[in-house]
Amino acid sequence: MADICIHAFVSGFVQGVWYRRSTQRKAESCGVNGWAKNLADGRVEVMLCGEEKVVKEVADWLHEGPPNARVEQVSIAILEWQPLQSFSIS
């Protein structure tokens, strides 16, 4: 299966509820690299790179998030492969 990257913007009640850390844990448990960061407008921006099947699994999870999150919308774009080495949050 091919390697892909997904760039996502997640909106709703997703800051201050461990969304980024939970995304990191989910991604790392699936072997996906990338990053997650809070944006000034209240959204969380996420990059996921790895094997297509597991990247899509983590991308599907973004719609749910951790228990205290209320995800309203996730916009996703598929990008060219980027060889990221880990998953970071900022």
PDB file of N, CA and C in Angstrom:
ATOM      1  N   MET A   1       0.849  -1.184   0.000  1.00  0.00           N
ATOM      2  CA  MET A   1       0.000   0.000   0.000  1.00  0.00           C
ATOM      3  C   MET A   1       0.893   1.244   0.000  1.00  0.00           C
ATOM      4  N   ALA A   2       0.421   2.311  -0.567  1.00  0.00           N
ATOM      5  CA  ALA A   2       1.189   3.545  -0.733  1.00  0.00           C
ATOM      6  C   ALA A   2       1.244   4.362   0.552  1.00  0.00           C
ATOM      7  N   ASP A   3       2.272   5.182   0.635  1.00  0.00           N
ATOM      8  CA  ASP A   3       2.380   6.148   1.726  1.00  0.00           C
ATOM      9  C   ASP A   3       1.718   7.450   1.295  1.00  0.00           C
ATOM     10  N   ILE A   4       0.985   8.066   2.220  1.00  0.00           N
ATOM     11  CA  ILE A   4       0.302   9.327   1.928  1.00  0.00           C
ATOM     12  C   ILE A   4       0.445  10.276   3.110  1.00  0.00           C
ATOM     13  N   CYS A   5       0.108  11.517   2.870  1.00  0.00           N
ATOM     14  CA  CYS A   5      -0.015  12.515   3.926  1.00  0.00           C
ATOM     15  C   CYS A   5      -1.397  13.145   3.832  1.00  0.00           C
ATOM     16  N   ILE A   6      -1.975  13.417   4.987  1.00  0.00           N
ATOM     17  CA  ILE A   6      -3.265  14.092   5.067  1.00  0.00           C
ATOM     18  C   ILE A   6      -3.094  15.336   5.916  1.00  0.00           C
ATOM     19  N   HIS A   7      -3.591  16.450   5.397  1.00  0.00           N
ATOM     20  CA  HIS A   7      -3.569  17.726   6.116  1.00  0.00           C
ATOM     21  C   HIS A   7      -5.009  18.032   6.482  1.00  0.00           C
ATOM     22  N   ALA A   8      -5.269  18.250   7.787  1.00  0.00           N
ATOM     23  CA  ALA A   8      -6.645  18.430   8.247  1.00  0.00           C
ATOM     24  C   ALA A   8      -6.787  19.660   9.129  1.00  0.00           C
ATOM     25  N   PHE A   9      -7.971  20.241   9.089  1.00  0.00           N
ATOM     26  CA  PHE A   9      -8.370  21.299  10.005  1.00  0.00           C
ATOM     27  C   PHE A   9      -9.609  20.799  10.735  1.00  0.00           C
ATOM     28  N   VAL A  10      -9.547  20.820  12.071  1.00  0.00           N
ATOM     29  CA  VAL A  10     -10.630  20.304  12.895  1.00  0.00           C
ATOM     30  C   VAL A  10     -11.247  21.470  13.659  1.00  0.00           C
ATOM     31  N   SER A  11     -12.561  21.633  13.524  1.00  0.00           N
ATOM     32  CA  SER A  11     -13.235  22.729  14.231  1.00  0.00           C
ATOM     33  C   SER A  11     -14.282  22.175  15.182  1.00  0.00           C
ATOM     34  N   GLY A  12     -14.658  23.015  16.132  1.00  0.00           N
ATOM     35  CA  GLY A  12     -15.594  22.654  17.180  1.00  0.00           C
ATOM     36  C   GLY A  12     -14.966  22.990  18.518  1.00  0.00           C
ATOM     37  N   PHE A  13     -15.337  22.260  19.547  1.00  0.00           N
ATOM     38  CA  PHE A  13     -14.731  22.436  20.865  1.00  0.00           C
ATOM     39  C   PHE A  13     -13.575  21.451  20.938  1.00  0.00           C
ATOM     40  N   VAL A  14     -12.409  21.873  20.414  1.00  0.00           N
ATOM     41  CA  VAL A  14     -11.265  20.967  20.266  1.00  0.00           C
ATOM     42  C   VAL A  14      -9.985  21.496  20.914  1.00  0.00           C
ATOM     43  N   GLN A  15     -10.046  22.626  21.566  1.00  0.00           N
ATOM     44  CA  GLN A  15      -8.890  23.130  22.302  1.00  0.00           C
ATOM     45  C   GLN A  15      -9.189  23.064  23.791  1.00  0.00           C
ATOM     46  N   GLY A  16      -8.180  22.707  24.573  1.00  0.00           N
ATOM     47  CA  GLY A  16      -8.345  22.601  26.014  1.00  0.00           C
ATOM     48  C   GLY A  16      -9.019  21.312  26.461  1.00  0.00           C
ATOM     49  N   VAL A  17      -9.089  20.312  25.564  1.00  0.00           N
ATOM     50  CA  VAL A  17      -9.733  19.035  25.884  1.00  0.00           C
ATOM     51  C   VAL A  17      -8.827  17.844  25.544  1.00  0.00           C
ATOM     52  N   TRP A  18      -7.528  18.084  25.478  1.00  0.00           N
ATOM     53  CA  TRP A  18      -6.522  17.058  25.170  1.00  0.00           C
ATOM     54  C   TRP A  18      -6.640  16.536  23.736  1.00  0.00           C
ATOM     55  N   TYR A  19      -7.176  17.325  22.835  1.00  0.00           N
ATOM     56  CA  TYR A  19      -7.336  16.868  21.441  1.00  0.00           C
ATOM     57  C   TYR A  19      -5.978  16.588  20.784  1.00  0.00           C
ATOM     58  N   ARG A  20      -5.039  17.523  20.907  1.00  0.00           N
ATOM     59  CA  ARG A  20      -3.729  17.327  20.265  1.00  0.00           C
ATOM     60  C   ARG A  20      -2.997  16.129  20.853  1.00  0.00           C
ATOM     61  N   ARG A  21      -2.957  16.011  22.165  1.00  0.00           N
ATOM     62  CA  ARG A  21      -2.256  14.897  22.814  1.00  0.00           C
ATOM     63  C   ARG A  21      -2.921  13.568  22.462  1.00  0.00           C
ATOM     64  N   SER A  22      -4.240  13.535  22.437  1.00  0.00           N
ATOM     65  CA  SER A  22      -4.954  12.314  22.065  1.00  0.00           C
ATOM     66  C   SER A  22      -4.695  11.950  20.610  1.00  0.00           C
ATOM     67  N   THR A  23      -4.606  12.950  19.744  1.00  0.00           N
ATOM     68  CA  THR A  23      -4.273  12.701  18.344  1.00  0.00           C
ATOM     69  C   THR A  23      -2.873  12.115  18.242  1.00  0.00           C
ATOM     70  N   GLN A  24      -1.945  12.669  19.008  1.00  0.00           N
ATOM     71  CA  GLN A  24      -0.578  12.149  19.013  1.00  0.00           C
ATOM     72  C   GLN A  24      -0.566  10.676  19.452  1.00  0.00           C
ATOM     73  N   ARG A  25      -1.265  10.361  20.515  1.00  0.00           N
ATOM     74  CA  ARG A  25      -1.297   8.976  21.008  1.00  0.00           C
ATOM     75  C   ARG A  25      -1.908   8.024  19.984  1.00  0.00           C
ATOM     76  N   LYS A  26      -3.012   8.453  19.360  1.00  0.00           N
ATOM     77  CA  LYS A  26      -3.658   7.621  18.345  1.00  0.00           C
ATOM     78  C   LYS A  26      -2.717   7.408  17.160  1.00  0.00           C
ATOM     79  N   ALA A  27      -2.095   8.490  16.697  1.00  0.00           N
ATOM     80  CA  ALA A  27      -1.179   8.387  15.556  1.00  0.00           C
ATOM     81  C   ALA A  27       0.004   7.482  15.876  1.00  0.00           C
ATOM     82  N   GLU A  28       0.613   7.688  17.028  1.00  0.00           N
ATOM     83  CA  GLU A  28       1.773   6.877  17.396  1.00  0.00           C
ATOM     84  C   GLU A  28       1.405   5.407  17.552  1.00  0.00           C
ATOM     85  N   SER A  29       0.225   5.123  18.086  1.00  0.00           N
ATOM     86  CA  SER A  29      -0.198   3.728  18.242  1.00  0.00           C
ATOM     87  C   SER A  29      -0.422   3.053  16.892  1.00  0.00           C
ATOM     88  N   CYS A  30      -0.683   3.858  15.860  1.00  0.00           N
ATOM     89  CA  CYS A  30      -0.896   3.334  14.503  1.00  0.00           C
ATOM     90  C   CYS A  30       0.363   3.405  13.640  1.00  0.00           C
ATOM     91  N   GLY A  31       1.435   3.989  14.164  1.00  0.00           N
ATOM     92  CA  GLY A  31       2.667   4.126  13.389  1.00  0.00           C
ATOM     93  C   GLY A  31       2.621   5.268  12.392  1.00  0.00           C
ATOM     94  N   VAL A  32       1.847   6.305  12.701  1.00  0.00           N
ATOM     95  CA  VAL A  32       1.705   7.460  11.813  1.00  0.00           C
ATOM     96  C   VAL A  32       2.516   8.626  12.371  1.00  0.00           C
ATOM     97  N   ASN A  33       3.242   9.306  11.509  1.00  0.00           N
ATOM     98  CA  ASN A  33       4.009  10.493  11.892  1.00  0.00           C
ATOM     99  C   ASN A  33       3.260  11.750  11.486  1.00  0.00           C
ATOM    100  N   GLY A  34       3.672  12.893  12.046  1.00  0.00           N
ATOM    101  CA  GLY A  34       3.047  14.160  11.685  1.00  0.00           C
ATOM    102  C   GLY A  34       3.114  15.155  12.812  1.00  0.00           C
ATOM    103  N   TRP A  35       2.077  15.973  12.915  1.00  0.00           N
ATOM    104  CA  TRP A  35       2.027  16.993  13.962  1.00  0.00           C
ATOM    105  C   TRP A  35       0.600  17.491  14.135  1.00  0.00           C
ATOM    106  N   ALA A  36       0.373  18.153  15.282  1.00  0.00           N
ATOM    107  CA  ALA A  36      -0.908  18.791  15.564  1.00  0.00           C
ATOM    108  C   ALA A  36      -0.624  20.084  16.299  1.00  0.00           C
ATOM    109  N   LYS A  37      -1.359  21.135  15.932  1.00  0.00           N
ATOM    110  CA  LYS A  37      -1.171  22.413  16.629  1.00  0.00           C
ATOM    111  C   LYS A  37      -2.489  23.161  16.709  1.00  0.00           C
ATOM    112  N   ASN A  38      -2.614  23.946  17.776  1.00  0.00           N
ATOM    113  CA  ASN A  38      -3.776  24.818  17.944  1.00  0.00           C
ATOM    114  C   ASN A  38      -3.630  26.033  17.050  1.00  0.00           C
ATOM    115  N   LEU A  39      -4.730  26.509  16.514  1.00  0.00           N
ATOM    116  CA  LEU A  39      -4.758  27.742  15.734  1.00  0.00           C
ATOM    117  C   LEU A  39      -5.473  28.825  16.536  1.00  0.00           C
ATOM    118  N   ALA A  40      -5.150  30.060  16.245  1.00  0.00           N
ATOM    119  CA  ALA A  40      -5.723  31.194  16.980  1.00  0.00           C
ATOM    120  C   ALA A  40      -7.245  31.268  16.852  1.00  0.00           C
ATOM    121  N   ASP A  41      -7.806  30.714  15.785  1.00  0.00           N
ATOM    122  CA  ASP A  41      -9.260  30.779  15.577  1.00  0.00           C
ATOM    123  C   ASP A  41     -10.028  29.650  16.278  1.00  0.00           C
ATOM    124  N   GLY A  42      -9.327  28.823  17.085  1.00  0.00           N
ATOM    125  CA  GLY A  42      -9.983  27.763  17.834  1.00  0.00           C
ATOM    126  C   GLY A  42      -9.936  26.394  17.184  1.00  0.00           C
ATOM    127  N   ARG A  43      -9.456  26.325  15.960  1.00  0.00           N
ATOM    128  CA  ARG A  43      -9.337  25.034  15.282  1.00  0.00           C
ATOM    129  C   ARG A  43      -8.021  24.353  15.676  1.00  0.00           C
ATOM    130  N   VAL A  44      -7.920  23.072  15.337  1.00  0.00           N
ATOM    131  CA  VAL A  44      -6.673  22.325  15.452  1.00  0.00           C
ATOM    132  C   VAL A  44      -6.274  21.915  14.038  1.00  0.00           C
ATOM    133  N   GLU A  45      -5.019  22.154  13.703  1.00  0.00           N
ATOM    134  CA  GLU A  45      -4.455  21.770  12.410  1.00  0.00           C
ATOM    135  C   GLU A  45      -3.640  20.500  12.615  1.00  0.00           C
ATOM    136  N   VAL A  46      -3.815  19.529  11.720  1.00  0.00           N
ATOM    137  CA  VAL A  46      -3.167  18.225  11.871  1.00  0.00           C
ATOM    138  C   VAL A  46      -2.541  17.792  10.546  1.00  0.00           C
ATOM    139  N   MET A  47      -1.328  17.234  10.630  1.00  0.00           N
ATOM    140  CA  MET A  47      -0.674  16.592   9.485  1.00  0.00           C
ATOM    141  C   MET A  47      -0.433  15.141   9.869  1.00  0.00           C
ATOM    142  N   LEU A  48      -0.830  14.214   9.007  1.00  0.00           N
ATOM    143  CA  LEU A  48      -0.643  12.786   9.232  1.00  0.00           C
ATOM    144  C   LEU A  48       0.054  12.181   8.028  1.00  0.00           C
ATOM    145  N   CYS A  49       1.154  11.460   8.247  1.00  0.00           N
ATOM    146  CA  CYS A  49       1.887  10.836   7.150  1.00  0.00           C
ATOM    147  C   CYS A  49       2.239   9.400   7.508  1.00  0.00           C
ATOM    148  N   GLY A  50       2.038   8.512   6.549  1.00  0.00           N
ATOM    149  CA  GLY A  50       2.368   7.108   6.763  1.00  0.00           C
ATOM    150  C   GLY A  50       1.664   6.234   5.744  1.00  0.00           C
ATOM    151  N   GLU A  51       1.554   4.957   6.075  1.00  0.00           N
ATOM    152  CA  GLU A  51       0.879   4.007   5.198  1.00  0.00           C
ATOM    153  C   GLU A  51      -0.594   4.398   5.076  1.00  0.00           C
ATOM    154  N   GLU A  52      -1.103   4.383   3.855  1.00  0.00           N
ATOM    155  CA  GLU A  52      -2.448   4.884   3.566  1.00  0.00           C
ATOM    156  C   GLU A  52      -3.524   4.338   4.500  1.00  0.00           C
ATOM    157  N   LYS A  53      -3.535   3.043   4.747  1.00  0.00           N
ATOM    158  CA  LYS A  53      -4.590   2.428   5.564  1.00  0.00           C
ATOM    159  C   LYS A  53      -4.613   3.002   6.974  1.00  0.00           C
ATOM    160  N   VAL A  54      -3.453   3.120   7.615  1.00  0.00           N
ATOM    161  CA  VAL A  54      -3.430   3.605   8.995  1.00  0.00           C
ATOM    162  C   VAL A  54      -3.595   5.117   9.074  1.00  0.00           C
ATOM    163  N   VAL A  55      -3.128   5.845   8.066  1.00  0.00           N
ATOM    164  CA  VAL A  55      -3.365   7.295   8.034  1.00  0.00           C
ATOM    165  C   VAL A  55      -4.864   7.561   7.948  1.00  0.00           C
ATOM    166  N   LYS A  56      -5.552   6.813   7.119  1.00  0.00           N
ATOM    167  CA  LYS A  56      -7.005   6.991   7.002  1.00  0.00           C
ATOM    168  C   LYS A  56      -7.722   6.590   8.282  1.00  0.00           C
ATOM    169  N   GLU A  57      -7.195   5.595   9.005  1.00  0.00           N
ATOM    170  CA  GLU A  57      -7.774   5.212  10.300  1.00  0.00           C
ATOM    171  C   GLU A  57      -7.676   6.372  11.297  1.00  0.00           C
ATOM    172  N   VAL A  58      -6.502   7.007  11.366  1.00  0.00           N
ATOM    173  CA  VAL A  58      -6.329   8.148  12.273  1.00  0.00           C
ATOM    174  C   VAL A  58      -7.182   9.323  11.802  1.00  0.00           C
ATOM    175  N   ALA A  59      -7.237   9.551  10.484  1.00  0.00           N
ATOM    176  CA  ALA A  59      -8.063  10.634   9.946  1.00  0.00           C
ATOM    177  C   ALA A  59      -9.534  10.428  10.294  1.00  0.00           C
ATOM    178  N   ASP A  60     -10.014   9.205  10.250  1.00  0.00           N
ATOM    179  CA  ASP A  60     -11.394   8.916  10.649  1.00  0.00           C
ATOM    180  C   ASP A  60     -11.596   9.231  12.129  1.00  0.00           C
ATOM    181  N   TRP A  61     -10.585   8.921  12.952  1.00  0.00           N
ATOM    182  CA  TRP A  61     -10.660   9.189  14.390  1.00  0.00           C
ATOM    183  C   TRP A  61     -10.766  10.690  14.672  1.00  0.00           C
ATOM    184  N   LEU A  62     -10.196  11.532  13.806  1.00  0.00           N
ATOM    185  CA  LEU A  62     -10.256  12.982  14.012  1.00  0.00           C
ATOM    186  C   LEU A  62     -11.692  13.472  14.142  1.00  0.00           C
ATOM    187  N   HIS A  63     -12.636  12.804  13.495  1.00  0.00           N
ATOM    188  CA  HIS A  63     -14.048  13.189  13.556  1.00  0.00           C
ATOM    189  C   HIS A  63     -14.652  12.944  14.936  1.00  0.00           C
ATOM    190  N   GLU A  64     -14.028  12.060  15.704  1.00  0.00           N
ATOM    191  CA  GLU A  64     -14.508  11.730  17.052  1.00  0.00           C
ATOM    192  C   GLU A  64     -13.709  12.482  18.108  1.00  0.00           C
ATOM    193  N   GLY A  65     -12.400  12.342  18.078  1.00  0.00           N
ATOM    194  CA  GLY A  65     -11.540  12.980  19.064  1.00  0.00           C
ATOM    195  C   GLY A  65     -11.674  12.357  20.437  1.00  0.00           C
ATOM    196  N   PRO A  66     -11.075  12.982  21.446  1.00  0.00           N
ATOM    197  CA  PRO A  66     -11.146  12.464  22.807  1.00  0.00           C
ATOM    198  C   PRO A  66     -12.532  12.698  23.409  1.00  0.00           C
ATOM    199  N   PRO A  67     -12.815  12.075  24.560  1.00  0.00           N
ATOM    200  CA  PRO A  67     -14.162  12.130  25.143  1.00  0.00           C
ATOM    201  C   PRO A  67     -14.739  13.535  25.362  1.00  0.00           C
ATOM    202  N   ASN A  68     -13.932  14.514  25.761  1.00  0.00           N
ATOM    203  CA  ASN A  68     -14.469  15.845  26.059  1.00  0.00           C
ATOM    204  C   ASN A  68     -14.579  16.764  24.842  1.00  0.00           C
ATOM    205  N   ALA A  69     -14.084  16.327  23.704  1.00  0.00           N
ATOM    206  CA  ALA A  69     -14.145  17.154  22.493  1.00  0.00           C
ATOM    207  C   ALA A  69     -15.534  17.080  21.861  1.00  0.00           C
ATOM    208  N   ARG A  70     -15.883  18.151  21.160  1.00  0.00           N
ATOM    209  CA  ARG A  70     -17.096  18.177  20.339  1.00  0.00           C
ATOM    210  C   ARG A  70     -16.672  18.629  18.943  1.00  0.00           C
ATOM    211  N   VAL A  71     -16.406  17.665  18.097  1.00  0.00           N
ATOM    212  CA  VAL A  71     -15.946  17.956  16.743  1.00  0.00           C
ATOM    213  C   VAL A  71     -17.142  18.323  15.887  1.00  0.00           C
ATOM    214  N   GLU A  72     -17.062  19.485  15.246  1.00  0.00           N
ATOM    215  CA  GLU A  72     -18.141  19.932  14.369  1.00  0.00           C
ATOM    216  C   GLU A  72     -17.821  19.693  12.902  1.00  0.00           C
ATOM    217  N   GLN A  73     -16.552  19.861  12.537  1.00  0.00           N
ATOM    218  CA  GLN A  73     -16.185  19.700  11.129  1.00  0.00           C
ATOM    219  C   GLN A  73     -14.721  19.331  11.020  1.00  0.00           C
ATOM    220  N   VAL A  74     -14.416  18.472  10.058  1.00  0.00           N
ATOM    221  CA  VAL A  74     -13.040  18.123   9.724  1.00  0.00           C
ATOM    222  C   VAL A  74     -12.889  18.285   8.224  1.00  0.00           C
ATOM    223  N   SER A  75     -11.997  19.170   7.805  1.00  0.00           N
ATOM    224  CA  SER A  75     -11.702  19.300   6.371  1.00  0.00           C
ATOM    225  C   SER A  75     -10.344  18.664   6.124  1.00  0.00           C
ATOM    226  N   ILE A  76     -10.279  17.837   5.087  1.00  0.00           N
ATOM    227  CA  ILE A  76      -9.087  17.030   4.812  1.00  0.00           C
ATOM    228  C   ILE A  76      -8.642  17.229   3.377  1.00  0.00           C
ATOM    229  N   ALA A  77      -7.320  17.349   3.212  1.00  0.00           N
ATOM    230  CA  ALA A  77      -6.706  17.368   1.880  1.00  0.00           C
ATOM    231  C   ALA A  77      -5.593  16.334   1.866  1.00  0.00           C
ATOM    232  N   ILE A  78      -5.491  15.597   0.778  1.00  0.00           N
ATOM    233  CA  ILE A  78      -4.404  14.636   0.612  1.00  0.00           C
ATOM    234  C   ILE A  78      -3.249  15.346  -0.077  1.00  0.00           C
ATOM    235  N   LEU A  79      -2.063  15.216   0.519  1.00  0.00           N
ATOM    236  CA  LEU A  79      -0.868  15.893   0.021  1.00  0.00           C
ATOM    237  C   LEU A  79       0.174  14.893  -0.444  1.00  0.00           C
ATOM    238  N   GLU A  80       1.204  15.415  -1.101  1.00  0.00           N
ATOM    239  CA  GLU A  80       2.340  14.580  -1.476  1.00  0.00           C
ATOM    240  C   GLU A  80       3.024  14.061  -0.219  1.00  0.00           C
ATOM    241  N   TRP A  81       3.631  12.908  -0.352  1.00  0.00           N
ATOM    242  CA  TRP A  81       4.348  12.266   0.748  1.00  0.00           C
ATOM    243  C   TRP A  81       5.447  13.183   1.295  1.00  0.00           C
ATOM    244  N   GLN A  82       5.514  13.265   2.614  1.00  0.00           N
ATOM    245  CA  GLN A  82       6.576  13.988   3.315  1.00  0.00           C
ATOM    246  C   GLN A  82       7.185  13.027   4.327  1.00  0.00           C
ATOM    247  N   PRO A  83       8.478  12.819   4.294  1.00  0.00           N
ATOM    248  CA  PRO A  83       9.099  11.844   5.191  1.00  0.00           C
ATOM    249  C   PRO A  83       9.288  12.378   6.616  1.00  0.00           C
ATOM    250  N   LEU A  84       8.220  12.504   7.363  1.00  0.00           N
ATOM    251  CA  LEU A  84       8.298  12.956   8.745  1.00  0.00           C
ATOM    252  C   LEU A  84       8.755  11.803   9.630  1.00  0.00           C
ATOM    253  N   GLN A  85       9.517  12.115  10.678  1.00  0.00           N
ATOM    254  CA  GLN A  85      10.150  11.067  11.482  1.00  0.00           C
ATOM    255  C   GLN A  85       9.469  10.774  12.807  1.00  0.00           C
ATOM    256  N   SER A  86       8.520  11.593  13.219  1.00  0.00           N
ATOM    257  CA  SER A  86       7.857  11.407  14.512  1.00  0.00           C
ATOM    258  C   SER A  86       6.534  12.181  14.485  1.00  0.00           C
ATOM    259  N   PHE A  87       5.856  12.214  15.622  1.00  0.00           N
ATOM    260  CA  PHE A  87       4.640  13.011  15.745  1.00  0.00           C
ATOM    261  C   PHE A  87       4.873  14.026  16.844  1.00  0.00           C
ATOM    262  N   SER A  88       4.665  15.304  16.531  1.00  0.00           N
ATOM    263  CA  SER A  88       4.896  16.358  17.512  1.00  0.00           C
ATOM    264  C   SER A  88       3.629  17.190  17.692  1.00  0.00           C
ATOM    265  N   ILE A  89       3.552  17.849  18.841  1.00  0.00           N
ATOM    266  CA  ILE A  89       2.450  18.781  19.080  1.00  0.00           C
ATOM    267  C   ILE A  89       3.031  20.123  19.490  1.00  0.00           C
ATOM    268  N   SER A  90       2.328  21.170  19.117  1.00  0.00           N
ATOM    269  CA  SER A  90       2.767  22.522  19.500  1.00  0.00           C
ATOM    270  C   SER A  90       1.553  23.386  19.744  1.00  0.00           C
TER     271      SER A  90
END
